[in-house]
Amino acid sequence: MNPEGDDGAFGDKAPVGATHSVLVPPPASTFAFVNFTENIDIHARRMLCTYYTHLKTNMYPIAKYYYSDISNTYWFHWTQLDLAYLHAVLYATSFFFDSLAGQKSERTKYHLYRTVSELNRQLSNPKTALTDSTTTVVMFMVFIAECFGDIECAHMHMMGLRNIIDLRGGLSSYDEKPLLQEKLRRADLIYSMCTGYKPAYSQNVGSSKCEGSGLAEPIYAESVDQSCFSQSRHLTRELDRGLHSSFEDVQVLSQLINSSHGSGEKLSDIVVEGFLTSIQSRLLLLDLHDHPCNPLAEILRLSLHAYLTTVF
């Protein structure tokens, strides 16, 4: 039985805080004929519309410059197959509007309860404990806890996520879903940034430019006018080789986004997320405390970190 009922037990208003035109839930009729994994009321359908048409992009400003490969559109499909995933999306959406309103609604509490209870049921079943959608639900919980500063909760979910990944044989077990794989690296990176622990799944953190980021060399070379960077790069080259490499890549990423904004030409989501995660991983692992140019080198490292985490 659905506690929300056909008419909805949480009222017929839009989520509190949905006052901005970009975030006003679209008509629920958009998903009127979609069969979700359980019957949900009209307000839950509105929240799903909001998440997939607006919020999913607006929560991460850089995402407006993405295009997604058709093979990566499995996220919505899981709402029709995985009950924990369905309620995780609804919980994240409701929680977002609660954060704008400064209060926690009954709807948010309900979707959190359903997410946790269904997730525990799936984790106790060997057939569903290690699936891609179960992994994504746990990752969802890590991201939400990290975004809203609940580090203790983020730690608990992150340990569970790492356990799932390890039981599957490592991050390579997600090779068939590269965008999910990249988001798992990103969840691990953000957890490391919040706690000070080293990333468990960083890849090619010593590389520079496009290596390990998925950014093809021709795109890197032809898309970016690097002549305007010569003076600043001369300074960083004298400081530290690793810092210089990261600094170059931050400039390239910024220039690519600016070019995308001006031309309207979108960038591959996997390419951009991989590139961004690669840069941040290298910056996080750089140890400049004993550097002869410290504190200048360390100030630049932290400044690049602050720039990437606030702008992107």
C-alpha atoms as a PDB file:
ATOM      1  CA  MET A   1       0.000   0.000   0.000  1.00  0.00           C
ATOM      2  CA  ASN A   2       1.260   3.449  -0.845  1.00  0.00           C
ATOM      3  CA  PRO A   3       1.036   5.710   2.248  1.00  0.00           C
ATOM      4  CA  GLU A   4       0.794   8.737  -0.015  1.00  0.00           C
ATOM      5  CA  GLY A   5      -2.449   7.537  -1.507  1.00  0.00           C
ATOM      6  CA  ASP A   6      -3.806   8.461  -4.897  1.00  0.00           C
ATOM      7  CA  ASP A   7      -4.614  12.007  -3.810  1.00  0.00           C
ATOM      8  CA  GLY A   8      -1.441  12.495  -1.792  1.00  0.00           C
ATOM      9  CA  ALA A   9      -1.161  12.750   1.970  1.00  0.00           C
ATOM     10  CA  PHE A  10       1.222  15.667   1.911  1.00  0.00           C
ATOM     11  CA  GLY A  11      -1.018  18.339   0.420  1.00  0.00           C
ATOM     12  CA  ASP A  12      -1.430  19.512  -3.143  1.00  0.00           C
ATOM     13  CA  LYS A  13       1.052  22.396  -3.143  1.00  0.00           C
ATOM     14  CA  ALA A  14       4.342  22.562  -4.956  1.00  0.00           C
ATOM     15  CA  PRO A  15       7.381  21.863  -2.772  1.00  0.00           C
ATOM     16  CA  VAL A  16       8.115  24.682  -0.364  1.00  0.00           C
ATOM     17  CA  GLY A  17      10.868  26.889  -1.733  1.00  0.00           C
ATOM     18  CA  ALA A  18      10.044  26.243  -5.388  1.00  0.00           C
ATOM     19  CA  THR A  19       9.588  29.907  -6.105  1.00  0.00           C
ATOM     20  CA  HIS A  20      12.220  30.366  -8.795  1.00  0.00           C
ATOM     21  CA  SER A  21      10.796  29.976 -12.286  1.00  0.00           C
ATOM     22  CA  VAL A  22      13.568  27.556 -13.218  1.00  0.00           C
ATOM     23  CA  LEU A  23      12.608  25.220 -10.386  1.00  0.00           C
ATOM     24  CA  VAL A  24       8.816  25.376 -10.495  1.00  0.00           C
ATOM     25  CA  PRO A  25       7.661  21.777 -11.032  1.00  0.00           C
ATOM     26  CA  PRO A  26       6.326  21.203 -14.553  1.00  0.00           C
ATOM     27  CA  PRO A  27       2.946  19.528 -15.106  1.00  0.00           C
ATOM     28  CA  ALA A  28       2.859  16.003 -13.729  1.00  0.00           C
ATOM     29  CA  SER A  29       1.228  14.901 -16.988  1.00  0.00           C
ATOM     30  CA  THR A  30       4.779  14.695 -18.388  1.00  0.00           C
ATOM     31  CA  PHE A  31       5.106  11.324 -16.641  1.00  0.00           C
ATOM     32  CA  ALA A  32       1.399  10.442 -16.628  1.00  0.00           C
ATOM     33  CA  PHE A  33       1.893   7.231 -18.586  1.00  0.00           C
ATOM     34  CA  VAL A  34       5.157   6.074 -17.017  1.00  0.00           C
ATOM     35  CA  ASN A  35       4.839   2.939 -14.904  1.00  0.00           C
ATOM     36  CA  PHE A  36       7.172   3.428 -11.966  1.00  0.00           C
ATOM     37  CA  THR A  37       8.213   0.594  -9.698  1.00  0.00           C
ATOM     38  CA  GLU A  38       5.292   1.495  -7.417  1.00  0.00           C
ATOM     39  CA  ASN A  39       2.305   3.803  -7.733  1.00  0.00           C
ATOM     40  CA  ILE A  40       3.235   7.355  -6.731  1.00  0.00           C
ATOM     41  CA  ASP A  41       0.985  10.382  -6.327  1.00  0.00           C
ATOM     42  CA  ILE A  42       0.791  13.403  -8.603  1.00  0.00           C
ATOM     43  CA  HIS A  43       3.113  15.458  -6.390  1.00  0.00           C
ATOM     44  CA  ALA A  44       5.834  12.822  -6.492  1.00  0.00           C
ATOM     45  CA  ARG A  45       5.517  12.785 -10.286  1.00  0.00           C
ATOM     46  CA  ARG A  46       5.949  16.560 -10.295  1.00  0.00           C
ATOM     47  CA  MET A  47       9.118  16.217  -8.245  1.00  0.00           C
ATOM     48  CA  LEU A  48      10.484  13.639 -10.696  1.00  0.00           C
ATOM     49  CA  CYS A  49       9.727  16.044 -13.541  1.00  0.00           C
ATOM     50  CA  THR A  50      11.520  18.806 -11.655  1.00  0.00           C
ATOM     51  CA  TYR A  51      14.549  16.640 -10.994  1.00  0.00           C
ATOM     52  CA  TYR A  52      15.008  15.291 -14.516  1.00  0.00           C
ATOM     53  CA  THR A  53      14.114  18.472 -16.410  1.00  0.00           C
ATOM     54  CA  HIS A  54      15.656  21.177 -14.197  1.00  0.00           C
ATOM     55  CA  LEU A  55      17.204  20.236 -10.885  1.00  0.00           C
ATOM     56  CA  LYS A  56      19.600  17.564 -12.149  1.00  0.00           C
ATOM     57  CA  THR A  57      21.329  20.254 -14.216  1.00  0.00           C
ATOM     58  CA  ASN A  58      20.872  23.298 -11.984  1.00  0.00           C
ATOM     59  CA  MET A  59      22.394  21.602  -8.933  1.00  0.00           C
ATOM     60  CA  TYR A  60      25.691  21.450 -10.852  1.00  0.00           C
ATOM     61  CA  PRO A  61      26.186  24.614 -12.984  1.00  0.00           C
ATOM     62  CA  ILE A  62      28.827  22.957 -15.135  1.00  0.00           C
ATOM     63  CA  ALA A  63      26.272  20.358 -16.251  1.00  0.00           C
ATOM     64  CA  LYS A  64      24.529  22.900 -18.495  1.00  0.00           C
ATOM     65  CA  TYR A  65      27.523  22.549 -20.829  1.00  0.00           C
ATOM     66  CA  TYR A  66      27.241  18.734 -21.032  1.00  0.00           C
ATOM     67  CA  TYR A  67      25.763  16.438 -23.572  1.00  0.00           C
ATOM     68  CA  SER A  68      25.147  12.824 -22.616  1.00  0.00           C
ATOM     69  CA  ASP A  69      25.798   9.774 -24.724  1.00  0.00           C
ATOM     70  CA  ILE A  70      22.555   7.877 -25.334  1.00  0.00           C
ATOM     71  CA  SER A  71      24.083   4.829 -23.645  1.00  0.00           C
ATOM     72  CA  ASN A  72      24.258   6.772 -20.350  1.00  0.00           C
ATOM     73  CA  THR A  73      20.521   7.426 -20.036  1.00  0.00           C
ATOM     74  CA  TYR A  74      19.897   4.492 -17.706  1.00  0.00           C
ATOM     75  CA  TRP A  75      19.292   6.752 -14.689  1.00  0.00           C
ATOM     76  CA  PHE A  76      15.610   7.385 -15.423  1.00  0.00           C
ATOM     77  CA  HIS A  77      15.051   3.757 -16.401  1.00  0.00           C
ATOM     78  CA  TRP A  78      15.998   2.703 -12.863  1.00  0.00           C
ATOM     79  CA  THR A  79      13.016   4.616 -11.423  1.00  0.00           C
ATOM     80  CA  GLN A  80      10.869   1.984 -13.123  1.00  0.00           C
ATOM     81  CA  LEU A  81      12.885  -0.963 -11.820  1.00  0.00           C
ATOM     82  CA  ASP A  82      14.408  -0.104  -8.450  1.00  0.00           C
ATOM     83  CA  LEU A  83      12.189   1.092  -5.603  1.00  0.00           C
ATOM     84  CA  ALA A  84      15.083   2.338  -3.475  1.00  0.00           C
ATOM     85  CA  TYR A  85      16.388   4.379  -6.418  1.00  0.00           C
ATOM     86  CA  LEU A  86      12.943   5.882  -7.082  1.00  0.00           C
ATOM     87  CA  HIS A  87      12.624   7.091  -3.496  1.00  0.00           C
ATOM     88  CA  ALA A  88      16.259   8.242  -3.414  1.00  0.00           C
ATOM     89  CA  VAL A  89      15.564  10.638  -6.296  1.00  0.00           C
ATOM     90  CA  LEU A  90      12.384  11.849  -4.611  1.00  0.00           C
ATOM     91  CA  TYR A  91      14.223  12.252  -1.307  1.00  0.00           C
ATOM     92  CA  ALA A  92      17.040  14.264  -2.909  1.00  0.00           C
ATOM     93  CA  THR A  93      14.547  16.536  -4.687  1.00  0.00           C
ATOM     94  CA  SER A  94      12.392  17.095  -1.617  1.00  0.00           C
ATOM     95  CA  PHE A  95      15.477  17.648   0.544  1.00  0.00           C
ATOM     96  CA  PHE A  96      16.713  20.295  -1.882  1.00  0.00           C
ATOM     97  CA  PHE A  97      13.494  22.301  -1.592  1.00  0.00           C
ATOM     98  CA  ASP A  98      13.527  21.854   2.193  1.00  0.00           C
ATOM     99  CA  SER A  99      17.021  23.352   2.297  1.00  0.00           C
ATOM    100  CA  LEU A 100      15.705  26.435   0.480  1.00  0.00           C
ATOM    101  CA  ALA A 101      12.800  26.733   2.900  1.00  0.00           C
ATOM    102  CA  GLY A 102      14.905  26.071   6.000  1.00  0.00           C
ATOM    103  CA  GLN A 103      12.706  23.265   7.285  1.00  0.00           C
ATOM    104  CA  LYS A 104      12.308  19.519   6.861  1.00  0.00           C
ATOM    105  CA  SER A 105       8.961  18.420   5.467  1.00  0.00           C
ATOM    106  CA  GLU A 106       7.007  15.258   6.165  1.00  0.00           C
ATOM    107  CA  ARG A 107       7.399  14.314   2.524  1.00  0.00           C
ATOM    108  CA  THR A 108      11.190  14.405   2.819  1.00  0.00           C
ATOM    109  CA  LYS A 109      11.087  12.271   5.966  1.00  0.00           C
ATOM    110  CA  TYR A 110       8.823   9.787   4.209  1.00  0.00           C
ATOM    111  CA  HIS A 111      11.049   9.422   1.154  1.00  0.00           C
ATOM    112  CA  LEU A 112      14.137   9.106   3.342  1.00  0.00           C
ATOM    113  CA  TYR A 113      12.439   6.333   5.330  1.00  0.00           C
ATOM    114  CA  ARG A 114      11.411   4.526   2.153  1.00  0.00           C
ATOM    115  CA  THR A 115      14.879   4.923   0.613  1.00  0.00           C
ATOM    116  CA  VAL A 116      16.658   3.504   3.662  1.00  0.00           C
ATOM    117  CA  SER A 117      14.189   0.664   4.242  1.00  0.00           C
ATOM    118  CA  GLU A 118      14.192  -0.419   0.584  1.00  0.00           C
ATOM    119  CA  LEU A 119      17.971  -0.069   0.382  1.00  0.00           C
ATOM    120  CA  ASN A 120      18.439  -2.290   3.450  1.00  0.00           C
ATOM    121  CA  ARG A 121      16.118  -4.859   1.885  1.00  0.00           C
ATOM    122  CA  GLN A 122      18.141  -4.829  -1.341  1.00  0.00           C
ATOM    123  CA  LEU A 123      21.466  -5.058   0.497  1.00  0.00           C
ATOM    124  CA  SER A 124      20.273  -8.138   2.358  1.00  0.00           C
ATOM    125  CA  ASN A 125      19.414  -9.887  -0.923  1.00  0.00           C
ATOM    126  CA  PRO A 126      22.468 -11.337  -2.754  1.00  0.00           C
ATOM    127  CA  LYS A 127      20.684 -10.799  -6.097  1.00  0.00           C
ATOM    128  CA  THR A 128      20.299  -7.046  -5.624  1.00  0.00           C
ATOM    129  CA  ALA A 129      23.062  -6.082  -3.157  1.00  0.00           C
ATOM    130  CA  LEU A 130      25.703  -5.395  -5.801  1.00  0.00           C
ATOM    131  CA  THR A 131      23.646  -4.110  -8.727  1.00  0.00           C
ATOM    132  CA  ASP A 132      24.422  -0.849 -10.511  1.00  0.00           C
ATOM    133  CA  SER A 133      21.229   0.787  -9.248  1.00  0.00           C
ATOM    134  CA  THR A 134      21.900  -0.237  -5.624  1.00  0.00           C
ATOM    135  CA  THR A 135      25.403   1.192  -5.955  1.00  0.00           C
ATOM    136  CA  THR A 136      23.906   4.431  -7.265  1.00  0.00           C
ATOM    137  CA  VAL A 137      21.464   4.720  -4.358  1.00  0.00           C
ATOM    138  CA  VAL A 138      24.310   4.458  -1.840  1.00  0.00           C
ATOM    139  CA  MET A 139      26.310   6.973  -3.878  1.00  0.00           C
ATOM    140  CA  PHE A 140      23.275   9.274  -3.819  1.00  0.00           C
ATOM    141  CA  MET A 141      23.243   9.125  -0.022  1.00  0.00           C
ATOM    142  CA  VAL A 142      26.969   9.942   0.090  1.00  0.00           C
ATOM    143  CA  PHE A 143      26.511  12.984  -2.152  1.00  0.00           C
ATOM    144  CA  ILE A 144      23.540  14.332  -0.185  1.00  0.00           C
ATOM    145  CA  ALA A 145      25.345  13.956   3.145  1.00  0.00           C
ATOM    146  CA  GLU A 146      28.482  15.605   1.722  1.00  0.00           C
ATOM    147  CA  CYS A 147      26.601  18.487   0.116  1.00  0.00           C
ATOM    148  CA  PHE A 148      24.814  19.393   3.327  1.00  0.00           C
ATOM    149  CA  GLY A 149      27.757  18.938   5.679  1.00  0.00           C
ATOM    150  CA  ASP A 150      26.791  15.726   7.481  1.00  0.00           C
ATOM    151  CA  ILE A 151      30.293  14.222   7.454  1.00  0.00           C
ATOM    152  CA  GLU A 152      29.494  11.446   9.942  1.00  0.00           C
ATOM    153  CA  CYS A 153      26.628  10.226   7.761  1.00  0.00           C
ATOM    154  CA  ALA A 154      28.756  10.623   4.632  1.00  0.00           C
ATOM    155  CA  HIS A 155      31.454   8.461   6.236  1.00  0.00           C
ATOM    156  CA  MET A 156      28.973   5.699   7.041  1.00  0.00           C
ATOM    157  CA  HIS A 157      27.566   5.649   3.502  1.00  0.00           C
ATOM    158  CA  MET A 158      31.038   5.919   1.941  1.00  0.00           C
ATOM    159  CA  MET A 159      32.249   2.851   3.833  1.00  0.00           C
ATOM    160  CA  GLY A 160      29.206   0.970   2.560  1.00  0.00           C
ATOM    161  CA  LEU A 161      29.831   2.168  -0.981  1.00  0.00           C
ATOM    162  CA  ARG A 162      33.463   1.083  -0.875  1.00  0.00           C
ATOM    163  CA  ASN A 163      32.391  -2.310   0.437  1.00  0.00           C
ATOM    164  CA  ILE A 164      30.016  -2.777  -2.506  1.00  0.00           C
ATOM    165  CA  ILE A 165      32.703  -1.750  -4.992  1.00  0.00           C
ATOM    166  CA  ASP A 166      35.264  -4.070  -3.393  1.00  0.00           C
ATOM    167  CA  LEU A 167      32.824  -7.020  -3.374  1.00  0.00           C
ATOM    168  CA  ARG A 168      32.222  -6.463  -7.087  1.00  0.00           C
ATOM    169  CA  GLY A 169      35.957  -6.656  -7.744  1.00  0.00           C
ATOM    170  CA  GLY A 170      36.849  -2.982  -7.875  1.00  0.00           C
ATOM    171  CA  LEU A 171      35.911   0.072  -9.884  1.00  0.00           C
ATOM    172  CA  SER A 172      36.705  -1.731 -13.141  1.00  0.00           C
ATOM    173  CA  SER A 173      33.493  -3.745 -12.650  1.00  0.00           C
ATOM    174  CA  TYR A 174      31.632  -0.593 -13.750  1.00  0.00           C
ATOM    175  CA  ASP A 175      33.506  -0.290 -17.055  1.00  0.00           C
ATOM    176  CA  GLU A 176      30.297  -0.814 -19.021  1.00  0.00           C
ATOM    177  CA  LYS A 177      28.799   2.286 -17.370  1.00  0.00           C
ATOM    178  CA  PRO A 178      31.632   4.827 -17.610  1.00  0.00           C
ATOM    179  CA  LEU A 179      29.584   7.800 -16.392  1.00  0.00           C
ATOM    180  CA  LEU A 180      28.554   5.925 -13.242  1.00  0.00           C
ATOM    181  CA  GLN A 181      32.181   4.877 -12.806  1.00  0.00           C
ATOM    182  CA  GLU A 182      33.282   8.513 -13.053  1.00  0.00           C
ATOM    183  CA  LYS A 183      30.652   9.631 -10.545  1.00  0.00           C
ATOM    184  CA  LEU A 184      31.872   6.960  -8.102  1.00  0.00           C
ATOM    185  CA  ARG A 185      35.384   8.411  -8.392  1.00  0.00           C
ATOM    186  CA  ARG A 186      33.901  11.838  -7.799  1.00  0.00           C
ATOM    187  CA  ALA A 187      32.016  10.717  -4.676  1.00  0.00           C
ATOM    188  CA  ASP A 188      35.260   9.276  -3.337  1.00  0.00           C
ATOM    189  CA  LEU A 189      37.126  12.492  -4.174  1.00  0.00           C
ATOM    190  CA  ILE A 190      34.579  14.748  -2.457  1.00  0.00           C
ATOM    191  CA  TYR A 191      34.638  12.502   0.606  1.00  0.00           C
ATOM    192  CA  SER A 192      38.423  12.848   0.677  1.00  0.00           C
ATOM    193  CA  MET A 193      38.164  16.623   0.398  1.00  0.00           C
ATOM    194  CA  CYS A 194      35.725  16.690   3.327  1.00  0.00           C
ATOM    195  CA  THR A 195      37.703  14.372   5.591  1.00  0.00           C
ATOM    196  CA  GLY A 196      41.363  14.721   4.590  1.00  0.00           C
ATOM    197  CA  TYR A 197      41.706  11.031   3.690  1.00  0.00           C
ATOM    198  CA  LYS A 198      43.405  10.087   0.423  1.00  0.00           C
ATOM    199  CA  PRO A 199      41.103   9.102  -2.454  1.00  0.00           C
ATOM    200  CA  ALA A 200      40.671   5.340  -2.738  1.00  0.00           C
ATOM    201  CA  TYR A 201      39.840   5.341  -6.455  1.00  0.00           C
ATOM    202  CA  SER A 202      41.971   8.097  -7.945  1.00  0.00           C
ATOM    203  CA  GLN A 203      43.264   7.204 -11.400  1.00  0.00           C
ATOM    204  CA  ASN A 204      46.434   8.461 -13.061  1.00  0.00           C
ATOM    205  CA  VAL A 205      46.705  11.274 -10.539  1.00  0.00           C
ATOM    206  CA  GLY A 206      50.245  11.985 -11.654  1.00  0.00           C
ATOM    207  CA  SER A 207      49.262  12.560 -15.251  1.00  0.00           C
ATOM    208  CA  SER A 208      48.713  15.892 -16.892  1.00  0.00           C
ATOM    209  CA  LYS A 209      46.504  17.387 -19.560  1.00  0.00           C
ATOM    210  CA  CYS A 210      44.327  14.790 -21.202  1.00  0.00           C
ATOM    211  CA  GLU A 211      46.003  11.638 -19.887  1.00  0.00           C
ATOM    212  CA  GLY A 212      43.581   9.682 -17.754  1.00  0.00           C
ATOM    213  CA  SER A 213      40.854  12.278 -18.186  1.00  0.00           C
ATOM    214  CA  GLY A 214      39.320  11.069 -21.429  1.00  0.00           C
ATOM    215  CA  LEU A 215      40.043  14.407 -23.082  1.00  0.00           C
ATOM    216  CA  ALA A 216      41.416  13.607 -26.524  1.00  0.00           C
ATOM    217  CA  GLU A 217      44.658  15.386 -27.444  1.00  0.00           C
ATOM    218  CA  PRO A 218      43.257  16.914 -30.682  1.00  0.00           C
ATOM    219  CA  ILE A 219      40.354  18.452 -28.734  1.00  0.00           C
ATOM    220  CA  TYR A 220      42.781  19.749 -26.140  1.00  0.00           C
ATOM    221  CA  ALA A 221      45.098  21.276 -28.712  1.00  0.00           C
ATOM    222  CA  GLU A 222      42.594  22.710 -31.170  1.00  0.00           C
ATOM    223  CA  SER A 223      39.816  23.927 -28.893  1.00  0.00           C
ATOM    224  CA  VAL A 224      41.857  26.150 -26.618  1.00  0.00           C
ATOM    225  CA  ASP A 225      43.868  29.264 -27.416  1.00  0.00           C
ATOM    226  CA  GLN A 226      46.721  28.937 -24.941  1.00  0.00           C
ATOM    227  CA  SER A 227      48.717  32.024 -26.014  1.00  0.00           C
ATOM    228  CA  CYS A 228      47.131  34.208 -23.323  1.00  0.00           C
ATOM    229  CA  PHE A 229      48.408  31.891 -20.568  1.00  0.00           C
ATOM    230  CA  SER A 230      52.137  32.270 -21.176  1.00  0.00           C
ATOM    231  CA  GLN A 231      53.001  34.670 -18.343  1.00  0.00           C
ATOM    232  CA  SER A 232      51.086  32.869 -15.604  1.00  0.00           C
ATOM    233  CA  ARG A 233      52.411  29.500 -16.753  1.00  0.00           C
ATOM    234  CA  HIS A 234      55.973  30.753 -16.620  1.00  0.00           C
ATOM    235  CA  LEU A 235      55.440  31.593 -12.944  1.00  0.00           C
ATOM    236  CA  THR A 236      53.922  28.213 -12.008  1.00  0.00           C
ATOM    237  CA  ARG A 237      56.556  26.296 -13.993  1.00  0.00           C
ATOM    238  CA  GLU A 238      59.163  27.727 -11.652  1.00  0.00           C
ATOM    239  CA  LEU A 239      57.208  26.683  -8.547  1.00  0.00           C
ATOM    240  CA  ASP A 240      56.471  22.969  -8.978  1.00  0.00           C
ATOM    241  CA  ARG A 241      56.040  20.600 -11.911  1.00  0.00           C
ATOM    242  CA  GLY A 242      52.909  18.917 -10.551  1.00  0.00           C
ATOM    243  CA  LEU A 243      51.331  22.222  -9.569  1.00  0.00           C
ATOM    244  CA  HIS A 244      52.173  23.658 -12.994  1.00  0.00           C
ATOM    245  CA  SER A 245      50.494  20.705 -14.734  1.00  0.00           C
ATOM    246  CA  SER A 246      47.322  21.132 -12.671  1.00  0.00           C
ATOM    247  CA  PHE A 247      47.349  24.900 -13.216  1.00  0.00           C
ATOM    248  CA  GLU A 248      47.546  24.395 -16.986  1.00  0.00           C
ATOM    249  CA  ASP A 249      44.611  22.002 -16.890  1.00  0.00           C
ATOM    250  CA  VAL A 250      42.483  24.382 -14.821  1.00  0.00           C
ATOM    251  CA  GLN A 251      43.080  27.055 -17.461  1.00  0.00           C
ATOM    252  CA  VAL A 252      42.200  24.650 -20.271  1.00  0.00           C
ATOM    253  CA  LEU A 253      39.025  23.470 -18.537  1.00  0.00           C
ATOM    254  CA  SER A 254      37.944  27.069 -17.889  1.00  0.00           C
ATOM    255  CA  GLN A 255      38.627  28.002 -21.499  1.00  0.00           C
ATOM    256  CA  LEU A 256      36.662  25.011 -22.775  1.00  0.00           C
ATOM    257  CA  ILE A 257      33.656  25.984 -20.644  1.00  0.00           C
ATOM    258  CA  ASN A 258      33.897  29.607 -21.777  1.00  0.00           C
ATOM    259  CA  SER A 259      34.076  28.493 -25.408  1.00  0.00           C
ATOM    260  CA  SER A 260      31.098  26.199 -24.901  1.00  0.00           C
ATOM    261  CA  HIS A 261      29.139  29.067 -23.358  1.00  0.00           C
ATOM    262  CA  GLY A 262      29.925  31.342 -26.284  1.00  0.00           C
ATOM    263  CA  SER A 263      29.352  28.843 -29.093  1.00  0.00           C
ATOM    264  CA  GLY A 264      26.566  26.755 -27.605  1.00  0.00           C
ATOM    265  CA  GLU A 265      28.526  23.618 -28.466  1.00  0.00           C
ATOM    266  CA  LYS A 266      28.260  21.176 -25.570  1.00  0.00           C
ATOM    267  CA  LEU A 267      31.000  18.945 -24.178  1.00  0.00           C
ATOM    268  CA  SER A 268      30.877  15.248 -23.345  1.00  0.00           C
ATOM    269  CA  ASP A 269      29.764  14.727 -19.741  1.00  0.00           C
ATOM    270  CA  ILE A 270      32.235  11.877 -19.225  1.00  0.00           C
ATOM    271  CA  VAL A 271      35.109  13.928 -20.667  1.00  0.00           C
ATOM    272  CA  VAL A 272      34.444  16.969 -18.482  1.00  0.00           C
ATOM    273  CA  GLU A 273      33.773  15.048 -15.272  1.00  0.00           C
ATOM    274  CA  GLY A 274      36.847  12.888 -15.831  1.00  0.00           C
ATOM    275  CA  PHE A 275      39.017  15.920 -16.527  1.00  0.00           C
ATOM    276  CA  LEU A 276      37.705  17.813 -13.493  1.00  0.00           C
ATOM    277  CA  THR A 277      38.136  14.828 -11.162  1.00  0.00           C
ATOM    278  CA  SER A 278      41.648  14.203 -12.477  1.00  0.00           C
ATOM    279  CA  ILE A 279      42.710  17.793 -11.765  1.00  0.00           C
ATOM    280  CA  GLN A 280      41.202  17.846  -8.286  1.00  0.00           C
ATOM    281  CA  SER A 281      42.716  14.473  -7.386  1.00  0.00           C
ATOM    282  CA  ARG A 282      46.183  15.672  -8.347  1.00  0.00           C
ATOM    283  CA  LEU A 283      45.753  18.897  -6.396  1.00  0.00           C
ATOM    284  CA  LEU A 284      44.542  16.979  -3.361  1.00  0.00           C
ATOM    285  CA  LEU A 285      47.544  14.652  -3.364  1.00  0.00           C
ATOM    286  CA  LEU A 286      50.164  17.350  -3.927  1.00  0.00           C
ATOM    287  CA  ASP A 287      52.288  17.744  -0.785  1.00  0.00           C
ATOM    288  CA  LEU A 288      53.885  21.180  -0.832  1.00  0.00           C
ATOM    289  CA  HIS A 289      54.469  21.695   2.886  1.00  0.00           C
ATOM    290  CA  ASP A 290      58.241  21.224   2.533  1.00  0.00           C
ATOM    291  CA  HIS A 291      58.394  23.042  -0.793  1.00  0.00           C
ATOM    292  CA  PRO A 292      61.094  25.743  -0.956  1.00  0.00           C
ATOM    293  CA  CYS A 293      58.520  28.201  -2.314  1.00  0.00           C
ATOM    294  CA  ASN A 294      55.984  27.458   0.364  1.00  0.00           C
ATOM    295  CA  PRO A 295      53.685  29.260   1.263  1.00  0.00           C
ATOM    296  CA  LEU A 296      53.219  30.629  -2.294  1.00  0.00           C
ATOM    297  CA  ALA A 297      52.938  27.170  -3.860  1.00  0.00           C
ATOM    298  CA  GLU A 298      50.515  25.968  -1.181  1.00  0.00           C
ATOM    299  CA  ILE A 299      48.401  29.124  -1.487  1.00  0.00           C
ATOM    300  CA  LEU A 300      48.109  28.545  -5.245  1.00  0.00           C
ATOM    301  CA  ARG A 301      47.171  24.875  -4.720  1.00  0.00           C
ATOM    302  CA  LEU A 302      44.421  25.798  -2.258  1.00  0.00           C
ATOM    303  CA  SER A 303      43.235  28.639  -4.490  1.00  0.00           C
ATOM    304  CA  LEU A 304      42.847  26.269  -7.442  1.00  0.00           C
ATOM    305  CA  HIS A 305      40.932  23.869  -5.209  1.00  0.00           C
ATOM    306  CA  ALA A 306      38.634  26.657  -4.028  1.00  0.00           C
ATOM    307  CA  TYR A 307      38.075  27.843  -7.593  1.00  0.00           C
ATOM    308  CA  LEU A 308      37.150  24.386  -8.891  1.00  0.00           C
ATOM    309  CA  THR A 309      34.839  23.512  -5.990  1.00  0.00           C
ATOM    310  CA  THR A 310      32.927  26.811  -6.032  1.00  0.00           C
ATOM    311  CA  VAL A 311      32.698  27.515  -9.755  1.00  0.00           C
ATOM    312  CA  PHE A 312      32.209  23.963 -11.050  1.00  0.00           C
END
